[in-house]
Amino acid sequence: MNWHLLGLSFITVFISELGDKSQLAAIALSGRGQSVRAVFFGSAAALLLASFLGALAGGAVAEVLPTRLLKAIAAAGFAILAVRLLFFKNEESLDYEQTP
């Protein structure tokens, strides 16, 4: 097993999931106080399944495209999202600005 890749994957996903909508949903569901354990196992299983599907899709795409090209496509996608968030107003931000 590649321990470096395992650690890097864990740290990347852990940091990206902090404050994410899925974490807020888990907080809201466990706030009802019925079964914190059920909320934990349900949300952990969902994250595990989503990560598994992402790893499968990434592995399949990596067999078709070179890794360097795949990284370039991902970087360009993130750059486009960043520029869009920084410089273009979306409809949701307009709604917040117009409310008194």
PDB file of N, CA and C in Angstrom:
ATOM      1  N   MET A   1       0.849  -1.185   0.000  1.00  0.00           N
ATOM      2  CA  MET A   1       0.000   0.000   0.000  1.00  0.00           C
ATOM      3  C   MET A   1       0.889   1.239   0.000  1.00  0.00           C
ATOM      4  N   ASN A   2       0.453   2.224  -0.768  1.00  0.00           N
ATOM      5  CA  ASN A   2       1.173   3.483  -0.843  1.00  0.00           C
ATOM      6  C   ASN A   2       0.701   4.383   0.310  1.00  0.00           C
ATOM      7  N   TRP A   3       1.476   4.424   1.387  1.00  0.00           N
ATOM      8  CA  TRP A   3       1.072   5.158   2.591  1.00  0.00           C
ATOM      9  C   TRP A   3       1.062   6.665   2.378  1.00  0.00           C
ATOM     10  N   HIS A   4       1.956   7.144   1.537  1.00  0.00           N
ATOM     11  CA  HIS A   4       1.991   8.579   1.247  1.00  0.00           C
ATOM     12  C   HIS A   4       0.698   9.008   0.543  1.00  0.00           C
ATOM     13  N   LEU A   5       0.279   8.236  -0.449  1.00  0.00           N
ATOM     14  CA  LEU A   5      -0.953   8.547  -1.167  1.00  0.00           C
ATOM     15  C   LEU A   5      -2.169   8.416  -0.254  1.00  0.00           C
ATOM     16  N   LEU A   6      -2.162   7.424   0.631  1.00  0.00           N
ATOM     17  CA  LEU A   6      -3.254   7.255   1.589  1.00  0.00           C
ATOM     18  C   LEU A   6      -3.358   8.477   2.502  1.00  0.00           C
ATOM     19  N   GLY A   7      -2.231   8.907   3.047  1.00  0.00           N
ATOM     20  CA  GLY A   7      -2.230  10.086   3.923  1.00  0.00           C
ATOM     21  C   GLY A   7      -2.632  11.347   3.192  1.00  0.00           C
ATOM     22  N   LEU A   8      -2.131  11.511   1.975  1.00  0.00           N
ATOM     23  CA  LEU A   8      -2.470  12.696   1.180  1.00  0.00           C
ATOM     24  C   LEU A   8      -3.954  12.719   0.844  1.00  0.00           C
ATOM     25  N   SER A   9      -4.520  11.570   0.493  1.00  0.00           N
ATOM     26  CA  SER A   9      -5.961  11.492   0.200  1.00  0.00           C
ATOM     27  C   SER A   9      -6.785  11.813   1.437  1.00  0.00           C
ATOM     28  N   PHE A  10      -6.379  11.259   2.593  1.00  0.00           N
ATOM     29  CA  PHE A  10      -7.111  11.519   3.828  1.00  0.00           C
ATOM     30  C   PHE A  10      -7.093  13.001   4.172  1.00  0.00           C
ATOM     31  N   ILE A  11      -5.928  13.610   4.143  1.00  0.00           N
ATOM     32  CA  ILE A  11      -5.810  15.028   4.509  1.00  0.00           C
ATOM     33  C   ILE A  11      -6.591  15.909   3.540  1.00  0.00           C
ATOM     34  N   THR A  12      -6.497  15.612   2.245  1.00  0.00           N
ATOM     35  CA  THR A  12      -7.193  16.422   1.246  1.00  0.00           C
ATOM     36  C   THR A  12      -8.706  16.345   1.417  1.00  0.00           C
ATOM     37  N   VAL A  13      -9.231  15.144   1.561  1.00  0.00           N
ATOM     38  CA  VAL A  13     -10.683  14.995   1.707  1.00  0.00           C
ATOM     39  C   VAL A  13     -11.141  15.548   3.052  1.00  0.00           C
ATOM     40  N   PHE A  14     -10.386  15.310   4.106  1.00  0.00           N
ATOM     41  CA  PHE A  14     -10.772  15.798   5.429  1.00  0.00           C
ATOM     42  C   PHE A  14     -10.859  17.320   5.444  1.00  0.00           C
ATOM     43  N   ILE A  15      -9.855  17.982   4.908  1.00  0.00           N
ATOM     44  CA  ILE A  15      -9.856  19.451   4.905  1.00  0.00           C
ATOM     45  C   ILE A  15     -10.950  19.992   3.994  1.00  0.00           C
ATOM     46  N   SER A  16     -11.164  19.350   2.839  1.00  0.00           N
ATOM     47  CA  SER A  16     -12.189  19.860   1.922  1.00  0.00           C
ATOM     48  C   SER A  16     -13.597  19.632   2.453  1.00  0.00           C
ATOM     49  N   GLU A  17     -13.786  18.652   3.312  1.00  0.00           N
ATOM     50  CA  GLU A  17     -15.111  18.373   3.850  1.00  0.00           C
ATOM     51  C   GLU A  17     -15.445  19.210   5.092  1.00  0.00           C
ATOM     52  N   LEU A  18     -14.476  19.848   5.698  1.00  0.00           N
ATOM     53  CA  LEU A  18     -14.763  20.680   6.865  1.00  0.00           C
ATOM     54  C   LEU A  18     -15.640  21.861   6.447  1.00  0.00           C
ATOM     55  N   GLY A  19     -16.761  22.008   7.103  1.00  0.00           N
ATOM     56  CA  GLY A  19     -17.661  23.115   6.786  1.00  0.00           C
ATOM     57  C   GLY A  19     -18.445  22.911   5.510  1.00  0.00           C
ATOM     58  N   ASP A  20     -18.406  21.718   4.967  1.00  0.00           N
ATOM     59  CA  ASP A  20     -19.123  21.420   3.732  1.00  0.00           C
ATOM     60  C   ASP A  20     -20.618  21.246   4.032  1.00  0.00           C
ATOM     61  N   LYS A  21     -21.420  21.270   2.990  1.00  0.00           N
ATOM     62  CA  LYS A  21     -22.867  21.090   3.166  1.00  0.00           C
ATOM     63  C   LYS A  21     -23.199  19.754   3.806  1.00  0.00           C
ATOM     64  N   SER A  22     -22.409  18.731   3.503  1.00  0.00           N
ATOM     65  CA  SER A  22     -22.681  17.424   4.099  1.00  0.00           C
ATOM     66  C   SER A  22     -22.447  17.447   5.606  1.00  0.00           C
ATOM     67  N   GLN A  23     -21.439  18.196   6.050  1.00  0.00           N
ATOM     68  CA  GLN A  23     -21.198  18.308   7.490  1.00  0.00           C
ATOM     69  C   GLN A  23     -22.328  19.100   8.154  1.00  0.00           C
ATOM     70  N   LEU A  24     -22.795  20.138   7.508  1.00  0.00           N
ATOM     71  CA  LEU A  24     -23.901  20.908   8.061  1.00  0.00           C
ATOM     72  C   LEU A  24     -25.179  20.077   8.123  1.00  0.00           C
ATOM     73  N   ALA A  25     -25.385  19.219   7.119  1.00  0.00           N
ATOM     74  CA  ALA A  25     -26.545  18.325   7.138  1.00  0.00           C
ATOM     75  C   ALA A  25     -26.436  17.339   8.292  1.00  0.00           C
ATOM     76  N   ALA A  26     -25.235  16.823   8.541  1.00  0.00           N
ATOM     77  CA  ALA A  26     -25.037  15.894   9.661  1.00  0.00           C
ATOM     78  C   ALA A  26     -25.287  16.597  10.989  1.00  0.00           C
ATOM     79  N   ILE A  27     -24.873  17.838  11.101  1.00  0.00           N
ATOM     80  CA  ILE A  27     -25.116  18.607  12.332  1.00  0.00           C
ATOM     81  C   ILE A  27     -26.617  18.799  12.538  1.00  0.00           C
ATOM     82  N   ALA A  28     -27.315  19.144  11.451  1.00  0.00           N
ATOM     83  CA  ALA A  28     -28.757  19.362  11.561  1.00  0.00           C
ATOM     84  C   ALA A  28     -29.489  18.069  11.919  1.00  0.00           C
ATOM     85  N   LEU A  29     -29.085  16.965  11.308  1.00  0.00           N
ATOM     86  CA  LEU A  29     -29.747  15.693  11.599  1.00  0.00           C
ATOM     87  C   LEU A  29     -29.466  15.217  13.016  1.00  0.00           C
ATOM     88  N   SER A  30     -28.240  15.383  13.481  1.00  0.00           N
ATOM     89  CA  SER A  30     -27.912  14.923  14.831  1.00  0.00           C
ATOM     90  C   SER A  30     -28.454  15.877  15.890  1.00  0.00           C
ATOM     91  N   GLY A  31     -28.806  17.086  15.483  1.00  0.00           N
ATOM     92  CA  GLY A  31     -29.373  18.043  16.423  1.00  0.00           C
ATOM     93  C   GLY A  31     -30.731  17.630  16.952  1.00  0.00           C
ATOM     94  N   ARG A  32     -31.382  16.757  16.243  1.00  0.00           N
ATOM     95  CA  ARG A  32     -32.673  16.262  16.722  1.00  0.00           C
ATOM     96  C   ARG A  32     -32.507  15.386  17.956  1.00  0.00           C
ATOM     97  N   GLY A  33     -31.311  14.840  18.150  1.00  0.00           N
ATOM     98  CA  GLY A  33     -31.007  14.084  19.355  1.00  0.00           C
ATOM     99  C   GLY A  33     -31.554  12.677  19.401  1.00  0.00           C
ATOM    100  N   GLN A  34     -32.076  12.194  18.290  1.00  0.00           N
ATOM    101  CA  GLN A  34     -32.658  10.859  18.314  1.00  0.00           C
ATOM    102  C   GLN A  34     -31.585   9.776  18.329  1.00  0.00           C
ATOM    103  N   SER A  35     -30.650   9.824  17.400  1.00  0.00           N
ATOM    104  CA  SER A  35     -29.586   8.836  17.354  1.00  0.00           C
ATOM    105  C   SER A  35     -28.376   9.422  16.644  1.00  0.00           C
ATOM    106  N   VAL A  36     -27.455   9.919  17.420  1.00  0.00           N
ATOM    107  CA  VAL A  36     -26.239  10.498  16.861  1.00  0.00           C
ATOM    108  C   VAL A  36     -25.430   9.416  16.143  1.00  0.00           C
ATOM    109  N   ARG A  37     -25.439   8.223  16.677  1.00  0.00           N
ATOM    110  CA  ARG A  37     -24.687   7.113  16.077  1.00  0.00           C
ATOM    111  C   ARG A  37     -25.222   6.784  14.680  1.00  0.00           C
ATOM    112  N   ALA A  38     -26.541   6.787  14.500  1.00  0.00           N
ATOM    113  CA  ALA A  38     -27.126   6.499  13.190  1.00  0.00           C
ATOM    114  C   ALA A  38     -26.755   7.572  12.177  1.00  0.00           C
ATOM    115  N   VAL A  39     -26.749   8.834  12.608  1.00  0.00           N
ATOM    116  CA  VAL A  39     -26.360   9.925  11.721  1.00  0.00           C
ATOM    117  C   VAL A  39     -24.893   9.771  11.327  1.00  0.00           C
ATOM    118  N   PHE A  40     -24.040   9.427  12.293  1.00  0.00           N
ATOM    119  CA  PHE A  40     -22.620   9.247  12.004  1.00  0.00           C
ATOM    120  C   PHE A  40     -22.406   8.134  10.983  1.00  0.00           C
ATOM    121  N   PHE A  41     -22.990   6.967  11.216  1.00  0.00           N
ATOM    122  CA  PHE A  41     -22.778   5.841  10.314  1.00  0.00           C
ATOM    123  C   PHE A  41     -23.401   6.092   8.937  1.00  0.00           C
ATOM    124  N   GLY A  42     -24.549   6.745   8.902  1.00  0.00           N
ATOM    125  CA  GLY A  42     -25.169   7.060   7.618  1.00  0.00           C
ATOM    126  C   GLY A  42     -24.344   8.042   6.803  1.00  0.00           C
ATOM    127  N   SER A  43     -23.867   9.103   7.443  1.00  0.00           N
ATOM    128  CA  SER A  43     -23.075  10.093   6.711  1.00  0.00           C
ATOM    129  C   SER A  43     -21.696   9.540   6.352  1.00  0.00           C
ATOM    130  N   ALA A  44     -21.113   8.709   7.220  1.00  0.00           N
ATOM    131  CA  ALA A  44     -19.817   8.100   6.902  1.00  0.00           C
ATOM    132  C   ALA A  44     -19.947   7.143   5.719  1.00  0.00           C
ATOM    133  N   ALA A  45     -21.028   6.367   5.687  1.00  0.00           N
ATOM    134  CA  ALA A  45     -21.240   5.444   4.570  1.00  0.00           C
ATOM    135  C   ALA A  45     -21.461   6.205   3.265  1.00  0.00           C
ATOM    136  N   ALA A  46     -22.187   7.323   3.332  1.00  0.00           N
ATOM    137  CA  ALA A  46     -22.428   8.125   2.127  1.00  0.00           C
ATOM    138  C   ALA A  46     -21.125   8.719   1.600  1.00  0.00           C
ATOM    139  N   LEU A  47     -20.285   9.250   2.489  1.00  0.00           N
ATOM    140  CA  LEU A  47     -19.001   9.813   2.066  1.00  0.00           C
ATOM    141  C   LEU A  47     -18.095   8.721   1.511  1.00  0.00           C
ATOM    142  N   LEU A  48     -18.126   7.551   2.138  1.00  0.00           N
ATOM    143  CA  LEU A  48     -17.323   6.427   1.663  1.00  0.00           C
ATOM    144  C   LEU A  48     -17.755   6.007   0.259  1.00  0.00           C
ATOM    145  N   LEU A  49     -19.048   5.902   0.033  1.00  0.00           N
ATOM    146  CA  LEU A  49     -19.556   5.512  -1.280  1.00  0.00           C
ATOM    147  C   LEU A  49     -19.229   6.570  -2.339  1.00  0.00           C
ATOM    148  N   ALA A  50     -19.408   7.841  -1.997  1.00  0.00           N
ATOM    149  CA  ALA A  50     -19.108   8.909  -2.952  1.00  0.00           C
ATOM    150  C   ALA A  50     -17.618   8.925  -3.304  1.00  0.00           C
ATOM    151  N   SER A  51     -16.767   8.723  -2.304  1.00  0.00           N
ATOM    152  CA  SER A  51     -15.332   8.687  -2.559  1.00  0.00           C
ATOM    153  C   SER A  51     -14.951   7.472  -3.398  1.00  0.00           C
ATOM    154  N   PHE A  52     -15.591   6.335  -3.125  1.00  0.00           N
ATOM    155  CA  PHE A  52     -15.326   5.128  -3.899  1.00  0.00           C
ATOM    156  C   PHE A  52     -15.702   5.320  -5.363  1.00  0.00           C
ATOM    157  N   LEU A  53     -16.870   5.911  -5.604  1.00  0.00           N
ATOM    158  CA  LEU A  53     -17.295   6.161  -6.979  1.00  0.00           C
ATOM    159  C   LEU A  53     -16.356   7.153  -7.669  1.00  0.00           C
ATOM    160  N   GLY A  54     -15.893   8.161  -6.933  1.00  0.00           N
ATOM    161  CA  GLY A  54     -14.942   9.111  -7.505  1.00  0.00           C
ATOM    162  C   GLY A  54     -13.615   8.457  -7.848  1.00  0.00           C
ATOM    163  N   ALA A  55     -13.148   7.555  -6.979  1.00  0.00           N
ATOM    164  CA  ALA A  55     -11.897   6.851  -7.248  1.00  0.00           C
ATOM    165  C   ALA A  55     -12.044   5.920  -8.448  1.00  0.00           C
ATOM    166  N   LEU A  56     -13.183   5.244  -8.560  1.00  0.00           N
ATOM    167  CA  LEU A  56     -13.418   4.382  -9.725  1.00  0.00           C
ATOM    168  C   LEU A  56     -13.446   5.195 -11.017  1.00  0.00           C
ATOM    169  N   ALA A  57     -14.159   6.312 -10.982  1.00  0.00           N
ATOM    170  CA  ALA A  57     -14.243   7.158 -12.169  1.00  0.00           C
ATOM    171  C   ALA A  57     -12.876   7.727 -12.527  1.00  0.00           C
ATOM    172  N   GLY A  58     -12.122   8.146 -11.521  1.00  0.00           N
ATOM    173  CA  GLY A  58     -10.779   8.671 -11.778  1.00  0.00           C
ATOM    174  C   GLY A  58      -9.855   7.622 -12.348  1.00  0.00           C
ATOM    175  N   GLY A  59      -9.960   6.386 -11.829  1.00  0.00           N
ATOM    176  CA  GLY A  59      -9.140   5.307 -12.366  1.00  0.00           C
ATOM    177  C   GLY A  59      -9.494   4.968 -13.797  1.00  0.00           C
ATOM    178  N   ALA A  60     -10.789   4.997 -14.115  1.00  0.00           N
ATOM    179  CA  ALA A  60     -11.215   4.703 -15.482  1.00  0.00           C
ATOM    180  C   ALA A  60     -10.762   5.785 -16.453  1.00  0.00           C
ATOM    181  N   VAL A  61     -10.871   7.042 -16.030  1.00  0.00           N
ATOM    182  CA  VAL A  61     -10.451   8.147 -16.891  1.00  0.00           C
ATOM    183  C   VAL A  61      -8.933   8.144 -17.048  1.00  0.00           C
ATOM    184  N   ALA A  62      -8.209   7.769 -15.986  1.00  0.00           N
ATOM    185  CA  ALA A  62      -6.744   7.748 -16.044  1.00  0.00           C
ATOM    186  C   ALA A  62      -6.230   6.686 -17.014  1.00  0.00           C
ATOM    187  N   GLU A  63      -7.030   5.652 -17.260  1.00  0.00           N
ATOM    188  CA  GLU A  63      -6.616   4.649 -18.237  1.00  0.00           C
ATOM    189  C   GLU A  63      -6.752   5.169 -19.665  1.00  0.00           C
ATOM    190  N   VAL A  64      -7.657   6.125 -19.885  1.00  0.00           N
ATOM    191  CA  VAL A  64      -7.898   6.660 -21.220  1.00  0.00           C
ATOM    192  C   VAL A  64      -7.017   7.877 -21.488  1.00  0.00           C
ATOM    193  N   LEU A  65      -6.889   8.763 -20.502  1.00  0.00           N
ATOM    194  CA  LEU A  65      -6.126   9.999 -20.661  1.00  0.00           C
ATOM    195  C   LEU A  65      -4.819   9.933 -19.879  1.00  0.00           C
ATOM    196  N   PRO A  66      -3.788  10.588 -20.365  1.00  0.00           N
ATOM    197  CA  PRO A  66      -2.540  10.660 -19.589  1.00  0.00           C
ATOM    198  C   PRO A  66      -2.752  11.464 -18.302  1.00  0.00           C
ATOM    199  N   THR A  67      -2.016  11.100 -17.257  1.00  0.00           N
ATOM    200  CA  THR A  67      -2.172  11.751 -15.954  1.00  0.00           C
ATOM    201  C   THR A  67      -1.913  13.248 -16.045  1.00  0.00           C
ATOM    202  N   ARG A  68      -0.919  13.632 -16.810  1.00  0.00           N
ATOM    203  CA  ARG A  68      -0.598  15.058 -16.942  1.00  0.00           C
ATOM    204  C   ARG A  68      -1.768  15.838 -17.542  1.00  0.00           C
ATOM    205  N   LEU A  69      -2.419  15.280 -18.558  1.00  0.00           N
ATOM    206  CA  LEU A  69      -3.569  15.937 -19.173  1.00  0.00           C
ATOM    207  C   LEU A  69      -4.747  15.988 -18.201  1.00  0.00           C
ATOM    208  N   LEU A  70      -4.951  14.919 -17.456  1.00  0.00           N
ATOM    209  CA  LEU A  70      -6.035  14.871 -16.472  1.00  0.00           C
ATOM    210  C   LEU A  70      -5.838  15.937 -15.392  1.00  0.00           C
ATOM    211  N   LYS A  71      -4.601  16.098 -14.922  1.00  0.00           N
ATOM    212  CA  LYS A  71      -4.308  17.148 -13.933  1.00  0.00           C
ATOM    213  C   LYS A  71      -4.513  18.533 -14.524  1.00  0.00           C
ATOM    214  N   ALA A  72      -4.152  18.708 -15.788  1.00  0.00           N
ATOM    215  CA  ALA A  72      -4.337  20.012 -16.435  1.00  0.00           C
ATOM    216  C   ALA A  72      -5.818  20.346 -16.580  1.00  0.00           C
ATOM    217  N   ILE A  73      -6.635  19.345 -16.929  1.00  0.00           N
ATOM    218  CA  ILE A  73      -8.077  19.567 -17.052  1.00  0.00           C
ATOM    219  C   ILE A  73      -8.680  19.930 -15.694  1.00  0.00           C
ATOM    220  N   ALA A  74      -8.262  19.221 -14.642  1.00  0.00           N
ATOM    221  CA  ALA A  74      -8.763  19.526 -13.295  1.00  0.00           C
ATOM    222  C   ALA A  74      -8.339  20.923 -12.863  1.00  0.00           C
ATOM    223  N   ALA A  75      -7.098  21.294 -13.124  1.00  0.00           N
ATOM    224  CA  ALA A  75      -6.611  22.625 -12.753  1.00  0.00           C
ATOM    225  C   ALA A  75      -7.368  23.715 -13.508  1.00  0.00           C
ATOM    226  N   ALA A  76      -7.616  23.487 -14.782  1.00  0.00           N
ATOM    227  CA  ALA A  76      -8.366  24.474 -15.572  1.00  0.00           C
ATOM    228  C   ALA A  76      -9.796  24.602 -15.060  1.00  0.00           C
ATOM    229  N   GLY A  77     -10.397  23.480 -14.695  1.00  0.00           N
ATOM    230  CA  GLY A  77     -11.752  23.530 -14.147  1.00  0.00           C
ATOM    231  C   GLY A  77     -11.825  24.323 -12.858  1.00  0.00           C
ATOM    232  N   PHE A  78     -10.874  24.086 -11.946  1.00  0.00           N
ATOM    233  CA  PHE A  78     -10.842  24.845 -10.702  1.00  0.00           C
ATOM    234  C   PHE A  78     -10.558  26.322 -10.953  1.00  0.00           C
ATOM    235  N   ALA A  79      -9.693  26.624 -11.912  1.00  0.00           N
ATOM    236  CA  ALA A  79      -9.400  28.020 -12.234  1.00  0.00           C
ATOM    237  C   ALA A  79     -10.626  28.729 -12.783  1.00  0.00           C
ATOM    238  N   ILE A  80     -11.384  28.047 -13.642  1.00  0.00           N
ATOM    239  CA  ILE A  80     -12.607  28.640 -14.191  1.00  0.00           C
ATOM    240  C   ILE A  80     -13.613  28.906 -13.076  1.00  0.00           C
ATOM    241  N   LEU A  81     -13.767  27.949 -12.164  1.00  0.00           N
ATOM    242  CA  LEU A  81     -14.677  28.158 -11.032  1.00  0.00           C
ATOM    243  C   LEU A  81     -14.230  29.329 -10.164  1.00  0.00           C
ATOM    244  N   ALA A  82     -12.933  29.441  -9.931  1.00  0.00           N
ATOM    245  CA  ALA A  82     -12.415  30.525  -9.097  1.00  0.00           C
ATOM    246  C   ALA A  82     -12.667  31.885  -9.743  1.00  0.00           C
ATOM    247  N   VAL A  83     -12.394  31.997 -11.038  1.00  0.00           N
ATOM    248  CA  VAL A  83     -12.625  33.262 -11.747  1.00  0.00           C
ATOM    249  C   VAL A  83     -14.107  33.609 -11.729  1.00  0.00           C
ATOM    250  N   ARG A  84     -14.940  32.602 -11.944  1.00  0.00           N
ATOM    251  CA  ARG A  84     -16.390  32.841 -11.927  1.00  0.00           C
ATOM    252  C   ARG A  84     -16.856  33.325 -10.559  1.00  0.00           C
ATOM    253  N   LEU A  85     -16.359  32.709  -9.509  1.00  0.00           N
ATOM    254  CA  LEU A  85     -16.753  33.123  -8.162  1.00  0.00           C
ATOM    255  C   LEU A  85     -16.250  34.515  -7.812  1.00  0.00           C
ATOM    256  N   LEU A  86     -15.057  34.848  -8.292  1.00  0.00           N
ATOM    257  CA  LEU A  86     -14.473  36.148  -7.947  1.00  0.00           C
ATOM    258  C   LEU A  86     -15.058  37.314  -8.736  1.00  0.00           C
ATOM    259  N   PHE A  87     -15.312  37.108 -10.010  1.00  0.00           N
ATOM    260  CA  PHE A  87     -15.614  38.245 -10.866  1.00  0.00           C
ATOM    261  C   PHE A  87     -17.036  38.321 -11.400  1.00  0.00           C
ATOM    262  N   PHE A  88     -17.808  37.269 -11.272  1.00  0.00           N
ATOM    263  CA  PHE A  88     -19.166  37.285 -11.811  1.00  0.00           C
ATOM    264  C   PHE A  88     -20.160  37.109 -10.688  1.00  0.00           C
ATOM    265  N   LYS A  89     -21.175  37.947 -10.690  1.00  0.00           N
ATOM    266  CA  LYS A  89     -22.215  37.828  -9.671  1.00  0.00           C
ATOM    267  C   LYS A  89     -23.217  36.783 -10.128  1.00  0.00           C
ATOM    268  N   ASN A  90     -23.584  35.924  -9.203  1.00  0.00           N
ATOM    269  CA  ASN A  90     -24.611  34.941  -9.533  1.00  0.00           C
ATOM    270  C   ASN A  90     -25.939  35.396  -8.942  1.00  0.00           C
ATOM    271  N   GLU A  91     -27.001  34.706  -9.262  1.00  0.00           N
ATOM    272  CA  GLU A  91     -28.339  35.112  -8.837  1.00  0.00           C
ATOM    273  C   GLU A  91     -28.503  35.062  -7.323  1.00  0.00           C
ATOM    274  N   GLU A  92     -27.874  34.097  -6.660  1.00  0.00           N
ATOM    275  CA  GLU A  92     -28.011  33.991  -5.206  1.00  0.00           C
ATOM    276  C   GLU A  92     -27.400  35.196  -4.502  1.00  0.00           C
ATOM    277  N   SER A  93     -26.226  35.653  -4.967  1.00  0.00           N
ATOM    278  CA  SER A  93     -25.612  36.798  -4.312  1.00  0.00           C
ATOM    279  C   SER A  93     -26.429  38.063  -4.542  1.00  0.00           C
ATOM    280  N   LEU A  94     -27.107  38.160  -5.692  1.00  0.00           N
ATOM    281  CA  LEU A  94     -27.969  39.308  -5.940  1.00  0.00           C
ATOM    282  C   LEU A  94     -29.151  39.329  -4.984  1.00  0.00           C
ATOM    283  N   ASP A  95     -29.699  38.144  -4.674  1.00  0.00           N
ATOM    284  CA  ASP A  95     -30.820  38.072  -3.741  1.00  0.00           C
ATOM    285  C   ASP A  95     -30.412  38.537  -2.353  1.00  0.00           C
ATOM    286  N   TYR A  96     -29.204  38.177  -1.899  1.00  0.00           N
ATOM    287  CA  TYR A  96     -28.744  38.583  -0.588  1.00  0.00           C
ATOM    288  C   TYR A  96     -28.458  40.079  -0.512  1.00  0.00           C
ATOM    289  N   GLU A  97     -27.966  40.644  -1.613  1.00  0.00           N
ATOM    290  CA  GLU A  97     -27.644  42.069  -1.613  1.00  0.00           C
ATOM    291  C   GLU A  97     -28.890  42.936  -1.652  1.00  0.00           C
ATOM    292  N   GLN A  98     -29.987  42.436  -2.205  1.00  0.00           N
ATOM    293  CA  GLN A  98     -31.177  43.239  -2.338  1.00  0.00           C
ATOM    294  C   GLN A  98     -32.081  43.212  -1.117  1.00  0.00           C
ATOM    295  N   THR A  99     -31.891  42.236  -0.229  1.00  0.00           N
ATOM    296  CA  THR A  99     -32.737  42.189   0.959  1.00  0.00           C
ATOM    297  C   THR A  99     -32.294  43.252   1.953  1.00  0.00           C
ATOM    298  N   PRO A 100     -33.259  43.970   2.541  1.00  0.00           N
ATOM    299  CA  PRO A 100     -32.904  45.068   3.456  1.00  0.00           C
ATOM    300  C   PRO A 100     -32.419  44.582   4.790  1.00  0.00           C
TER     301      PRO A 100
END
